[in-house]
Amino acid sequence: MSRTLRLTFLLGLLALLLAACGAAAAPAATQVDLASLPVNIDVTQAASLLNNPNVVFVDVREQNEYDAGHIPGVKLIPLGSVPDRMSEIPKDKTVVAVCHSGNRSGQATDFLRKQGYTNVHNMTGGMTAWSQAGNPIEK
């Protein structure tokens, strides 16, 4: 093997090794411990839960607010309907309540916790903070 060919081979091998080391050193995705979530979570925490199959988002705004833009996959249960539709809110999953600013979702969270739900969380800042953070919105 010629010296040029060996040098080319070694440089290529070195490039592959460096690329592999870089990939191995990349940080792993942050795993959220659902059991340790505080009652009030911010939009960054909520966004990290968006595709988790053990988490359900419940939008407690009115239909017209929901139609104007909502978190993808969220379930609409307006605040006034929560007492009558509790059977639609799972007790075996983590629930994140959402509204426009965090006020109504805070009320829904408090109500559900008084009804025995232990894994319900209020997204503070609501859809206002969600959209300001650049998170996905569906219409």
Protein backbone atom coordinates (compact mmCIF):
# COMPACT_ATOMS: atom_id res chain seq x y z
CA MET A 1 0.00 0.00 0.00
CA SER A 2 1.43 3.36 -0.97
CA ARG A 3 2.18 5.97 1.63
CA THR A 4 -0.50 8.36 0.21
CA LEU A 5 -3.12 5.61 0.26
CA ARG A 6 -2.24 4.71 3.86
CA LEU A 7 -2.38 8.35 4.92
CA THR A 8 -5.79 8.78 3.22
CA PHE A 9 -7.04 5.61 4.91
CA LEU A 10 -5.83 6.74 8.34
CA LEU A 11 -7.34 10.21 7.94
CA GLY A 12 -10.66 8.67 6.92
CA LEU A 13 -10.55 6.31 9.89
CA LEU A 14 -9.70 9.20 12.21
CA ALA A 15 -12.66 11.19 10.84
CA LEU A 16 -15.00 8.25 11.45
CA LEU A 17 -13.72 7.79 15.00
CA LEU A 18 -14.13 11.47 15.80
CA ALA A 19 -17.65 11.50 14.39
CA ALA A 20 -18.55 8.42 16.43
CA CYS A 21 -17.14 9.97 19.60
CA GLY A 22 -19.14 13.12 19.02
CA ALA A 23 -22.35 11.13 18.59
CA ALA A 24 -21.66 9.11 21.72
CA ALA A 25 -21.02 12.24 23.72
CA ALA A 26 -24.33 13.87 22.74
CA PRO A 27 -26.56 14.33 25.80
CA ALA A 28 -29.48 11.95 26.16
CA ALA A 29 -33.02 13.33 26.02
CA THR A 30 -34.19 14.48 29.43
CA GLN A 31 -36.55 11.98 30.99
CA VAL A 32 -39.22 13.70 33.08
CA ASP A 33 -40.13 12.07 36.38
CA LEU A 34 -43.92 12.39 36.32
CA ALA A 35 -44.19 11.51 40.01
CA SER A 36 -42.12 14.53 41.05
CA LEU A 37 -43.86 17.22 38.98
CA PRO A 38 -45.02 20.21 41.03
CA VAL A 39 -48.70 21.20 40.92
CA ASN A 40 -47.85 24.24 38.78
CA ILE A 41 -45.63 23.62 35.78
CA ASP A 42 -44.34 26.09 33.22
CA VAL A 43 -44.66 25.80 29.44
CA THR A 44 -41.16 24.35 29.08
CA GLN A 45 -42.04 21.50 31.43
CA ALA A 46 -45.41 21.05 29.73
CA ALA A 47 -43.85 20.96 26.25
CA SER A 48 -41.49 18.20 27.39
CA LEU A 49 -44.57 16.11 28.25
CA LEU A 50 -46.40 16.68 24.97
CA ASN A 51 -45.76 13.31 23.32
CA ASN A 52 -45.65 11.23 26.48
CA PRO A 53 -48.31 8.49 26.30
CA ASN A 54 -48.79 8.72 30.08
CA VAL A 55 -49.80 12.38 29.92
CA VAL A 56 -53.16 13.88 28.91
CA PHE A 57 -53.61 17.60 28.23
CA VAL A 58 -57.05 19.03 29.04
CA ASP A 59 -57.98 22.48 27.69
CA VAL A 60 -60.55 24.12 29.95
CA ARG A 61 -61.24 27.14 27.74
CA GLU A 62 -64.43 27.68 25.75
CA GLN A 63 -64.98 26.21 22.28
CA ASN A 64 -64.29 29.49 20.44
CA GLU A 65 -60.96 29.93 22.27
CA TYR A 66 -60.03 26.32 21.49
CA ASP A 67 -60.94 26.80 17.82
CA ALA A 68 -58.66 29.86 17.62
CA GLY A 69 -55.66 27.67 18.49
CA HIS A 70 -54.83 24.85 20.87
CA ILE A 71 -52.08 22.42 21.81
CA PRO A 72 -52.04 19.47 19.39
CA GLY A 73 -53.83 16.44 20.83
CA VAL A 74 -55.39 18.33 23.73
CA LYS A 75 -58.86 17.35 24.95
CA LEU A 76 -61.40 20.19 25.29
CA ILE A 77 -63.46 20.19 28.48
CA PRO A 78 -64.58 23.76 29.28
CA LEU A 79 -64.17 24.65 32.97
CA GLY A 80 -67.92 24.75 33.61
CA SER A 81 -68.23 21.20 32.24
CA VAL A 82 -65.43 19.65 34.29
CA PRO A 83 -67.68 18.41 37.17
CA ASP A 84 -70.01 16.65 34.71
CA ARG A 85 -67.21 15.22 32.54
CA MET A 86 -64.77 13.94 35.14
CA SER A 87 -65.17 10.43 33.74
CA GLU A 88 -63.29 11.69 30.65
CA ILE A 89 -60.29 12.74 32.74
CA PRO A 90 -58.14 9.70 33.56
CA LYS A 91 -56.94 9.12 37.11
CA ASP A 92 -54.25 6.70 35.95
CA LYS A 93 -52.36 9.26 33.84
CA THR A 94 -50.71 12.60 34.46
CA VAL A 95 -53.12 15.40 33.52
CA VAL A 96 -52.02 18.89 32.49
CA ALA A 97 -54.77 21.51 32.60
CA VAL A 98 -54.49 24.39 30.13
CA CYS A 99 -56.36 27.67 29.60
CA HIS A 100 -55.62 31.14 28.25
CA SER A 101 -53.50 32.47 31.12
CA GLY A 102 -53.35 29.77 33.80
CA ASN A 103 -56.25 31.04 35.92
CA ARG A 104 -59.06 28.70 34.84
CA SER A 105 -56.67 25.75 34.54
CA GLY A 106 -55.56 26.51 38.11
CA GLN A 107 -59.20 26.37 39.21
CA ALA A 108 -59.69 23.07 37.36
CA THR A 109 -56.53 21.65 38.92
CA ASP A 110 -57.66 22.65 42.43
CA PHE A 111 -61.13 21.19 41.85
CA LEU A 112 -59.82 17.88 40.51
CA ARG A 113 -57.32 17.52 43.35
CA LYS A 114 -60.19 18.02 45.84
CA GLN A 115 -62.00 15.20 44.00
CA GLY A 116 -59.09 12.81 44.60
CA TYR A 117 -56.95 13.36 41.51
CA THR A 118 -53.31 13.39 42.62
CA ASN A 119 -51.61 13.69 39.25
CA VAL A 120 -53.19 16.89 37.89
CA HIS A 121 -51.02 19.89 37.07
CA ASN A 122 -51.69 23.49 36.05
CA MET A 123 -49.75 24.91 33.09
CA THR A 124 -48.92 28.42 34.31
CA GLY A 125 -49.05 31.19 31.74
CA GLY A 126 -51.55 29.22 29.64
CA MET A 127 -51.78 29.42 25.89
CA THR A 128 -50.36 32.93 25.99
CA ALA A 129 -47.04 31.66 27.36
CA TRP A 130 -47.25 28.50 25.22
CA SER A 131 -47.46 30.47 21.98
CA GLN A 132 -44.87 33.06 23.09
CA ALA A 133 -42.44 30.16 23.66
CA GLY A 134 -42.96 29.07 20.05
CA ASN A 135 -44.57 25.75 20.92
CA PRO A 136 -46.85 24.02 18.40
CA ILE A 137 -50.42 25.23 17.98
CA GLU A 138 -53.15 23.57 15.97
CA LYS A 139 -56.38 25.12 14.65
